[in-house]
C-alpha atoms as a PDB file:
ATOM      1  CA  UNK A   1       7.541-291.063 171.376  1.00  0.00           C
ATOM      2  CA  UNK A   2       4.735-288.527 171.387  1.00  0.00           C
ATOM      3  CA  UNK A   3       2.201-291.317 170.867  1.00  0.00           C
ATOM      4  CA  UNK A   4       3.639-293.295 173.785  1.00  0.00           C
ATOM      5  CA  UNK A   5       3.432-290.260 176.069  1.00  0.00           C
ATOM      6  CA  UNK A   6      -0.139-289.638 174.945  1.00  0.00           C
ATOM      7  CA  UNK A   7      -1.094-293.230 175.811  1.00  0.00           C
ATOM      8  CA  UNK A   8       0.571-293.014 179.227  1.00  0.00           C
ATOM      9  CA  UNK A   9      -1.300-289.795 179.995  1.00  0.00           C
ATOM     10  CA  UNK A  10      -4.504-291.353 178.700  1.00  0.00           C
ATOM     11  CA  UNK A  11      -4.004-294.438 180.854  1.00  0.00           C
ATOM     12  CA  UNK A  12      -3.592-292.337 183.977  1.00  0.00           C
ATOM     13  CA  UNK A  13      -6.531-290.047 183.214  1.00  0.00           C
ATOM     14  CA  UNK A  14      -8.784-292.925 182.172  1.00  0.00           C
ATOM     15  CA  UNK A  15      -8.330-294.810 185.472  1.00  0.00           C
ATOM     16  CA  UNK A  16      -7.535-292.226 188.184  1.00  0.00           C
ATOM     17  CA  UNK A  17      -8.882-294.414 190.999  1.00  0.00           C
ATOM     18  CA  UNK A  18      -6.508-297.227 189.981  1.00  0.00           C
ATOM     19  CA  UNK A  19      -3.624-294.746 189.961  1.00  0.00           C
ATOM     20  CA  UNK A  20      -4.519-293.684 193.523  1.00  0.00           C
ATOM     21  CA  UNK A  21      -4.580-297.304 194.702  1.00  0.00           C
ATOM     22  CA  UNK A  22      -1.308-297.985 192.886  1.00  0.00           C
ATOM     23  CA  UNK A  23       0.499-294.999 194.442  1.00  0.00           C
ATOM     24  CA  UNK A  24      -0.696-295.947 197.917  1.00  0.00           C
ATOM     25  CA  UNK A  25       0.372-299.545 197.281  1.00  0.00           C
ATOM     26  CA  UNK A  26       3.877-298.516 196.253  1.00  0.00           C
ATOM     27  CA  UNK A  27       4.223-296.385 199.384  1.00  0.00           C
ATOM     28  CA  UNK A  28       2.865-299.108 201.681  1.00  0.00           C
ATOM     29  CA  UNK A  29       4.814-301.962 200.074  1.00  0.00           C
ATOM     30  CA  UNK A  30       8.069-300.013 200.149  1.00  0.00           C
ATOM     31  CA  UNK A  31       7.677-299.297 203.873  1.00  0.00           C
ATOM     32  CA  UNK A  32       6.600-302.861 204.550  1.00  0.00           C
ATOM     33  CA  UNK A  33       8.843-304.952 202.298  1.00  0.00           C
ATOM     34  CA  UNK A  34      11.601-302.570 201.223  1.00  0.00           C
ATOM     35  CA  UNK A  35      11.850-301.069 197.754  1.00  0.00           C
ATOM     36  CA  UNK A  36      13.662-304.037 196.174  1.00  0.00           C
ATOM     37  CA  UNK A  37      11.098-306.583 197.333  1.00  0.00           C
ATOM     38  CA  UNK A  38       8.269-304.211 196.440  1.00  0.00           C
ATOM     39  CA  UNK A  39       9.752-303.970 192.954  1.00  0.00           C
ATOM     40  CA  UNK A  40       9.995-307.754 192.667  1.00  0.00           C
ATOM     41  CA  UNK A  41       6.377-308.162 193.729  1.00  0.00           C
ATOM     42  CA  UNK A  42       5.204-305.514 191.269  1.00  0.00           C
ATOM     43  CA  UNK A  43       7.051-306.899 188.251  1.00  0.00           C
ATOM     44  CA  UNK A  44       6.419-310.558 189.030  1.00  0.00           C
ATOM     45  CA  UNK A  45       2.784-309.974 189.958  1.00  0.00           C
ATOM     46  CA  UNK A  46       2.153-308.052 186.743  1.00  0.00           C
ATOM     47  CA  UNK A  47       3.808-310.775 184.628  1.00  0.00           C
ATOM     48  CA  UNK A  48       1.754-313.585 186.182  1.00  0.00           C
ATOM     49  CA  UNK A  49      -1.456-311.568 185.917  1.00  0.00           C
ATOM     50  CA  UNK A  50      -0.798-310.699 182.271  1.00  0.00           C
ATOM     51  CA  UNK A  51      -0.139-314.335 181.352  1.00  0.00           C
ATOM     52  CA  UNK A  52      -3.311-315.390 183.178  1.00  0.00           C
ATOM     53  CA  UNK A  53      -5.397-312.719 181.459  1.00  0.00           C
ATOM     54  CA  UNK A  54      -3.906-313.416 178.036  1.00  0.00           C
ATOM     55  CA  UNK A  55      -4.586-317.150 178.439  1.00  0.00           C
ATOM     56  CA  UNK A  56      -8.112-316.563 179.726  1.00  0.00           C
ATOM     57  CA  UNK A  57      -9.036-314.335 176.788  1.00  0.00           C
ATOM     58  CA  UNK A  58      -7.814-317.025 174.382  1.00  0.00           C
ATOM     59  CA  UNK A  59      -8.446-320.450 175.953  1.00  0.00           C
ATOM     60  CA  UNK A  60     -10.521-319.654 179.059  1.00  0.00           C
ATOM     61  CA  UNK A  61      -7.908-320.659 181.670  1.00  0.00           C
ATOM     62  CA  UNK A  62      -7.673-319.800 184.570  1.00  0.00           C
ATOM     63  CA  UNK A  63     -10.486-317.225 184.850  1.00  0.00           C
ATOM     64  CA  UNK A  64     -12.944-318.651 182.345  1.00  0.00           C
ATOM     65  CA  UNK A  65     -13.331-317.323 178.833  1.00  0.00           C
ATOM     66  CA  UNK A  66     -13.834-313.578 178.530  1.00  0.00           C
ATOM     67  CA  UNK A  67     -12.961-310.913 175.990  1.00  0.00           C
ATOM     68  CA  UNK A  68     -11.861-307.295 176.168  1.00  0.00           C
ATOM     69  CA  UNK A  69     -14.005-305.110 173.960  1.00  0.00           C
ATOM     70  CA  UNK A  70     -11.095-302.975 172.780  1.00  0.00           C
ATOM     71  CA  UNK A  71     -13.209-299.852 173.247  1.00  0.00           C
ATOM     72  CA  UNK A  72     -10.278-298.072 174.906  1.00  0.00           C
ATOM     73  CA  UNK A  73      -7.628-298.943 172.327  1.00  0.00           C
ATOM     74  CA  UNK A  74      -5.893-295.682 171.450  1.00  0.00           C
ATOM     75  CA  UNK A  75      -6.927-294.190 174.796  1.00  0.00           C
ATOM     76  CA  UNK A  76      -4.782-296.284 177.157  1.00  0.00           C
ATOM     77  CA  UNK A  77      -1.826-298.660 177.078  1.00  0.00           C
ATOM     78  CA  UNK A  78      -2.390-302.257 175.988  1.00  0.00           C
ATOM     79  CA  UNK A  79      -0.040-305.231 176.068  1.00  0.00           C
ATOM     80  CA  UNK A  80      -1.263-307.506 173.270  1.00  0.00           C
ATOM     81  CA  UNK A  81      -5.036-307.543 173.809  1.00  0.00           C
ATOM     82  CA  UNK A  82      -4.946-306.773 177.566  1.00  0.00           C
ATOM     83  CA  UNK A  83      -5.173-303.249 179.065  1.00  0.00           C
ATOM     84  CA  UNK A  84      -1.933-302.636 180.950  1.00  0.00           C
ATOM     85  CA  UNK A  85      -3.597-301.312 184.101  1.00  0.00           C
ATOM     86  CA  UNK A  86      -5.889-304.334 184.376  1.00  0.00           C
ATOM     87  CA  UNK A  87      -2.946-306.670 184.848  1.00  0.00           C
ATOM     88  CA  UNK A  88      -1.042-304.131 186.938  1.00  0.00           C
ATOM     89  CA  UNK A  89      -3.922-303.875 189.402  1.00  0.00           C
ATOM     90  CA  UNK A  90      -3.355-307.519 190.365  1.00  0.00           C
ATOM     91  CA  UNK A  91      -0.120-306.465 192.055  1.00  0.00           C
ATOM     92  CA  UNK A  92      -1.765-304.262 194.664  1.00  0.00           C
ATOM     93  CA  UNK A  93      -4.708-306.638 195.069  1.00  0.00           C
ATOM     94  CA  UNK A  94      -2.257-309.456 195.794  1.00  0.00           C
ATOM     95  CA  UNK A  95      -0.229-307.277 198.160  1.00  0.00           C
ATOM     96  CA  UNK A  96      -3.249-306.149 200.165  1.00  0.00           C
ATOM     97  CA  UNK A  97      -4.454-309.743 200.454  1.00  0.00           C
ATOM     98  CA  UNK A  98      -0.955-310.819 201.518  1.00  0.00           C
ATOM     99  CA  UNK A  99      -0.963-308.064 204.135  1.00  0.00           C
ATOM    100  CA  UNK A 100      -4.321-309.133 205.554  1.00  0.00           C
ATOM    101  CA  UNK A 101      -3.189-312.766 205.635  1.00  0.00           C
ATOM    102  CA  UNK A 102      -0.049-311.802 207.580  1.00  0.00           C
ATOM    103  CA  UNK A 103      -2.063-309.603 209.934  1.00  0.00           C
ATOM    104  CA  UNK A 104      -4.401-312.515 210.610  1.00  0.00           C
ATOM    105  CA  UNK A 105      -1.863-315.298 211.032  1.00  0.00           C
ATOM    106  CA  UNK A 106       0.901-313.266 212.659  1.00  0.00           C
ATOM    107  CA  UNK A 107       3.630-314.486 210.329  1.00  0.00           C
ATOM    108  CA  UNK A 108       5.067-313.413 207.002  1.00  0.00           C
ATOM    109  CA  UNK A 109       5.671-316.690 205.209  1.00  0.00           C
ATOM    110  CA  UNK A 110       4.402-320.251 204.886  1.00  0.00           C
ATOM    111  CA  UNK A 111       1.760-322.220 203.041  1.00  0.00           C
ATOM    112  CA  UNK A 112      -1.016-320.896 205.259  1.00  0.00           C
ATOM    113  CA  UNK A 113      -0.172-317.269 204.466  1.00  0.00           C
ATOM    114  CA  UNK A 114       0.072-318.022 200.736  1.00  0.00           C
ATOM    115  CA  UNK A 115      -3.242-319.872 200.527  1.00  0.00           C
ATOM    116  CA  UNK A 116      -5.093-317.380 202.723  1.00  0.00           C
ATOM    117  CA  UNK A 117      -3.790-314.507 200.583  1.00  0.00           C
ATOM    118  CA  UNK A 118      -5.184-316.231 197.483  1.00  0.00           C
ATOM    119  CA  UNK A 119      -8.589-316.719 199.106  1.00  0.00           C
ATOM    120  CA  UNK A 120      -8.723-313.119 200.330  1.00  0.00           C
ATOM    121  CA  UNK A 121      -7.861-311.846 196.858  1.00  0.00           C
ATOM    122  CA  UNK A 122     -10.644-313.980 195.427  1.00  0.00           C
ATOM    123  CA  UNK A 123     -13.086-312.558 197.983  1.00  0.00           C
ATOM    124  CA  UNK A 124     -12.247-309.051 196.785  1.00  0.00           C
ATOM    125  CA  UNK A 125     -13.048-310.143 193.245  1.00  0.00           C
ATOM    126  CA  UNK A 126     -16.445-311.442 194.342  1.00  0.00           C
ATOM    127  CA  UNK A 127     -17.291-307.735 194.663  1.00  0.00           C
ATOM    128  CA  UNK A 128     -15.022-306.318 191.945  1.00  0.00           C
ATOM    129  CA  UNK A 129     -15.854-308.494 188.939  1.00  0.00           C
ATOM    130  CA  UNK A 130     -19.683-308.337 189.031  1.00  0.00           C
ATOM    131  CA  UNK A 131     -19.335-304.553 189.298  1.00  0.00           C
ATOM    132  CA  UNK A 132     -16.801-304.422 186.464  1.00  0.00           C
ATOM    133  CA  UNK A 133     -19.026-306.333 184.030  1.00  0.00           C
ATOM    134  CA  UNK A 134     -21.557-303.557 184.677  1.00  0.00           C
ATOM    135  CA  UNK A 135     -18.958-300.930 183.805  1.00  0.00           C
ATOM    136  CA  UNK A 136     -21.246-299.356 181.219  1.00  0.00           C
ATOM    137  CA  UNK A 137     -23.366-298.140 184.154  1.00  0.00           C
ATOM    138  CA  UNK A 138     -20.530-296.176 185.761  1.00  0.00           C
ATOM    139  CA  UNK A 139     -17.347-294.444 184.646  1.00  0.00           C
ATOM    140  CA  UNK A 140     -15.345-297.647 184.030  1.00  0.00           C
ATOM    141  CA  UNK A 141     -17.172-298.282 180.753  1.00  0.00           C
ATOM    142  CA  UNK A 142     -17.814-301.616 179.065  1.00  0.00           C
ATOM    143  CA  UNK A 143     -14.275-302.917 178.711  1.00  0.00           C
ATOM    144  CA  UNK A 144     -14.822-306.702 178.853  1.00  0.00           C
ATOM    145  CA  UNK A 145     -17.526-309.353 178.854  1.00  0.00           C
ATOM    146  CA  UNK A 146     -18.109-313.074 179.397  1.00  0.00           C
ATOM    147  CA  UNK A 147     -19.660-314.446 176.186  1.00  0.00           C
ATOM    148  CA  UNK A 148     -21.597-317.092 178.124  1.00  0.00           C
ATOM    149  CA  UNK A 149     -22.296-315.010 181.221  1.00  0.00           C
ATOM    150  CA  UNK A 150     -22.123-316.621 184.649  1.00  0.00           C
ATOM    151  CA  UNK A 151     -24.248-317.755 187.572  1.00  0.00           C
ATOM    152  CA  UNK A 152     -22.993-315.126 190.049  1.00  0.00           C
ATOM    153  CA  UNK A 153     -24.329-311.803 188.808  1.00  0.00           C
ATOM    154  CA  UNK A 154     -23.066-312.564 185.317  1.00  0.00           C
ATOM    155  CA  UNK A 155     -19.665-313.915 186.394  1.00  0.00           C
ATOM    156  CA  UNK A 156     -18.734-317.620 186.062  1.00  0.00           C
ATOM    157  CA  UNK A 157     -17.577-319.408 189.216  1.00  0.00           C
ATOM    158  CA  UNK A 158     -14.408-320.479 187.401  1.00  0.00           C
ATOM    159  CA  UNK A 159     -13.330-316.834 187.521  1.00  0.00           C
ATOM    160  CA  UNK A 160     -13.235-316.836 191.312  1.00  0.00           C
ATOM    161  CA  UNK A 161     -11.302-320.107 191.463  1.00  0.00           C
ATOM    162  CA  UNK A 162      -8.843-318.591 188.983  1.00  0.00           C
ATOM    163  CA  UNK A 163      -8.381-315.519 191.170  1.00  0.00           C
ATOM    164  CA  UNK A 164      -7.620-317.665 194.226  1.00  0.00           C
ATOM    165  CA  UNK A 165      -5.065-319.667 192.260  1.00  0.00           C
ATOM    166  CA  UNK A 166      -3.411-316.648 190.638  1.00  0.00           C
ATOM    167  CA  UNK A 167      -3.289-314.768 193.944  1.00  0.00           C
ATOM    168  CA  UNK A 168      -1.602-317.724 195.646  1.00  0.00           C
ATOM    169  CA  UNK A 169       0.843-318.156 192.749  1.00  0.00           C
ATOM    170  CA  UNK A 170       1.823-314.478 192.890  1.00  0.00           C
ATOM    171  CA  UNK A 171       2.510-314.592 196.625  1.00  0.00           C
ATOM    172  CA  UNK A 172       4.198-318.015 196.531  1.00  0.00           C
ATOM    173  CA  UNK A 173       6.480-316.907 193.718  1.00  0.00           C
ATOM    174  CA  UNK A 174       7.268-313.631 195.432  1.00  0.00           C
ATOM    175  CA  UNK A 175       8.193-315.404 198.676  1.00  0.00           C
ATOM    176  CA  UNK A 176      10.338-317.927 196.798  1.00  0.00           C
ATOM    177  CA  UNK A 177      12.264-315.181 195.026  1.00  0.00           C
ATOM    178  CA  UNK A 178      12.387-312.424 197.629  1.00  0.00           C
ATOM    179  CA  UNK A 179      11.529-314.110 200.941  1.00  0.00           C
ATOM    180  CA  UNK A 180      13.610-313.557 204.056  1.00  0.00           C
ATOM    181  CA  UNK A 181      13.270-310.952 206.776  1.00  0.00           C
ATOM    182  CA  UNK A 182      11.248-307.817 206.029  1.00  0.00           C
ATOM    183  CA  UNK A 183       9.996-304.902 208.080  1.00  0.00           C
ATOM    184  CA  UNK A 184       6.670-306.749 208.227  1.00  0.00           C
ATOM    185  CA  UNK A 185       4.363-303.772 208.602  1.00  0.00           C
ATOM    186  CA  UNK A 186       1.125-305.005 207.010  1.00  0.00           C
ATOM    187  CA  UNK A 187      -1.188-302.402 208.555  1.00  0.00           C
ATOM    188  CA  UNK A 188      -1.173-300.033 205.575  1.00  0.00           C
ATOM    189  CA  UNK A 189      -1.776-302.969 203.249  1.00  0.00           C
ATOM    190  CA  UNK A 190      -4.771-304.037 205.351  1.00  0.00           C
ATOM    191  CA  UNK A 191      -6.112-300.480 205.176  1.00  0.00           C
ATOM    192  CA  UNK A 192      -5.724-300.528 201.386  1.00  0.00           C
ATOM    193  CA  UNK A 193      -7.571-303.864 201.168  1.00  0.00           C
ATOM    194  CA  UNK A 194     -10.611-302.369 202.843  1.00  0.00           C
ATOM    195  CA  UNK A 195     -10.315-299.076 200.954  1.00  0.00           C
ATOM    196  CA  UNK A 196     -10.538-301.008 197.667  1.00  0.00           C
ATOM    197  CA  UNK A 197     -13.452-303.013 199.023  1.00  0.00           C
ATOM    198  CA  UNK A 198     -15.236-299.848 200.183  1.00  0.00           C
ATOM    199  CA  UNK A 199     -14.762-298.162 196.800  1.00  0.00           C
ATOM    200  CA  UNK A 200     -16.307-301.107 194.984  1.00  0.00           C
ATOM    201  CA  UNK A 201     -19.184-301.396 197.443  1.00  0.00           C
ATOM    202  CA  UNK A 202     -19.924-297.681 197.064  1.00  0.00           C
ATOM    203  CA  UNK A 203     -19.954-298.013 193.270  1.00  0.00           C
ATOM    204  CA  UNK A 204     -22.219-301.052 193.572  1.00  0.00           C
ATOM    205  CA  UNK A 205     -24.619-298.917 195.600  1.00  0.00           C
ATOM    206  CA  UNK A 206     -24.248-296.075 193.091  1.00  0.00           C
ATOM    207  CA  UNK A 207     -25.497-298.204 190.193  1.00  0.00           C
ATOM    208  CA  UNK A 208     -28.406-299.515 192.261  1.00  0.00           C
ATOM    209  CA  UNK A 209     -27.395-303.184 192.574  1.00  0.00           C
ATOM    210  CA  UNK A 210     -28.918-303.722 196.025  1.00  0.00           C
ATOM    211  CA  UNK A 211     -28.687-307.536 196.085  1.00  0.00           C
ATOM    212  CA  UNK A 212     -25.069-307.542 194.916  1.00  0.00           C
ATOM    213  CA  UNK A 213     -24.275-304.895 197.534  1.00  0.00           C
ATOM    214  CA  UNK A 214     -25.927-306.955 200.285  1.00  0.00           C
ATOM    215  CA  UNK A 215     -24.067-310.101 199.256  1.00  0.00           C
ATOM    216  CA  UNK A 216     -20.747-308.241 199.268  1.00  0.00           C
ATOM    217  CA  UNK A 217     -21.340-306.666 202.675  1.00  0.00           C
ATOM    218  CA  UNK A 218     -22.472-309.910 204.322  1.00  0.00           C
ATOM    219  CA  UNK A 219     -19.605-311.869 202.809  1.00  0.00           C
ATOM    220  CA  UNK A 220     -16.927-309.462 203.955  1.00  0.00           C
ATOM    221  CA  UNK A 221     -18.383-308.761 207.388  1.00  0.00           C
ATOM    222  CA  UNK A 222     -18.484-312.507 207.996  1.00  0.00           C
ATOM    223  CA  UNK A 223     -14.956-312.902 206.645  1.00  0.00           C
ATOM    224  CA  UNK A 224     -13.595-310.095 208.830  1.00  0.00           C
ATOM    225  CA  UNK A 225     -15.143-311.642 211.936  1.00  0.00           C
ATOM    226  CA  UNK A 226     -13.533-314.990 211.103  1.00  0.00           C
ATOM    227  CA  UNK A 227     -10.177-313.314 210.513  1.00  0.00           C
ATOM    228  CA  UNK A 228     -10.430-311.390 213.774  1.00  0.00           C
ATOM    229  CA  UNK A 229     -11.269-314.614 215.625  1.00  0.00           C
ATOM    230  CA  UNK A 230      -8.366-316.460 213.984  1.00  0.00           C
ATOM    231  CA  UNK A 231      -6.006-313.597 214.823  1.00  0.00           C
ATOM    232  CA  UNK A 232      -7.083-313.699 218.457  1.00  0.00           C
ATOM    233  CA  UNK A 233      -6.511-317.445 218.684  1.00  0.00           C
ATOM    234  CA  UNK A 234      -3.078-317.074 217.124  1.00  0.00           C
ATOM    235  CA  UNK A 235      -2.079-314.331 219.535  1.00  0.00           C
ATOM    236  CA  UNK A 236      -3.262-316.424 222.482  1.00  0.00           C
ATOM    237  CA  UNK A 237      -1.210-319.407 221.317  1.00  0.00           C
ATOM    238  CA  UNK A 238       1.892-317.274 220.844  1.00  0.00           C
ATOM    239  CA  UNK A 239       1.457-315.700 224.282  1.00  0.00           C
ATOM    240  CA  UNK A 240       1.039-319.134 225.871  1.00  0.00           C
ATOM    241  CA  UNK A 241       4.098-320.483 224.043  1.00  0.00           C
ATOM    242  CA  UNK A 242       6.241-317.583 225.248  1.00  0.00           C
ATOM    243  CA  UNK A 243       5.399-318.213 228.925  1.00  0.00           C
END
C-alpha cells in the first residue's frame, strides 16, 4: 500500500503539467457532457489508448514501432510497459479535439464530427510528438524513442496516421456508448485544446527548435482559419434553413 501511494505521488509530481490539463479536462467535460458521460469517455479513452500504445511498442501498430526507455520505472505508475499518464493523456486530447470539432460543425454527433476530431487530435500530435522525443532537452526527460527515427523531426509519418485513427475510434466508441443529448458546451474544451498547443509551442521555443516551432505555428494558424471559415459557412446554412 505504501509503495502504491508513493508511485501515485511520484506520478503526480513527475508530470504536474499533465495533472493540470487533466483536472481542467475533468471540470470541462463534466460541465459539457455530464459526469457519467465524462467518466465513460475517460475510462474508454484510456483503455483504447493503452491498447494502442501496448501494441505499438510490441508490433508497431498503429503508431509505428517505438519503445519506452523505462527510465521512470519506480518513479511513476506503469501499466505493463506503458506509463499510466501517457495513455491517460489521450482522454483529454481526444475530448479537446471533439470539442473543437463540435464547435466547428455546430453539432455533437455524426461521422463528420468523429473524423474531424481524429484529424484535430493528430494535428496536436504533430507538435507534441517531435517535442516529446526531445524530452531529454526539457523536464519531460527521455522516456521513449523510435528505433528507426522518422522523416518528420524524428517521428515516422505512421505515428500521425495512428493518432488520427485512435482519436476517431475513441470518439466513435464514446458516442456509440454514451451518445444522446448533452449540455453541449464545447467552449472550455476548445480553450483547453489551444492551451495544450500553446504549452507545447512554448516548450519547442524553449529548447531552440525554431523550424519545428515555425511548422507548428503555420500549421495551426492555417487550420484555425479553415475551421473558422467552415464554422461560418455552417452557421449561414443553419440560419438560411431556419428562415
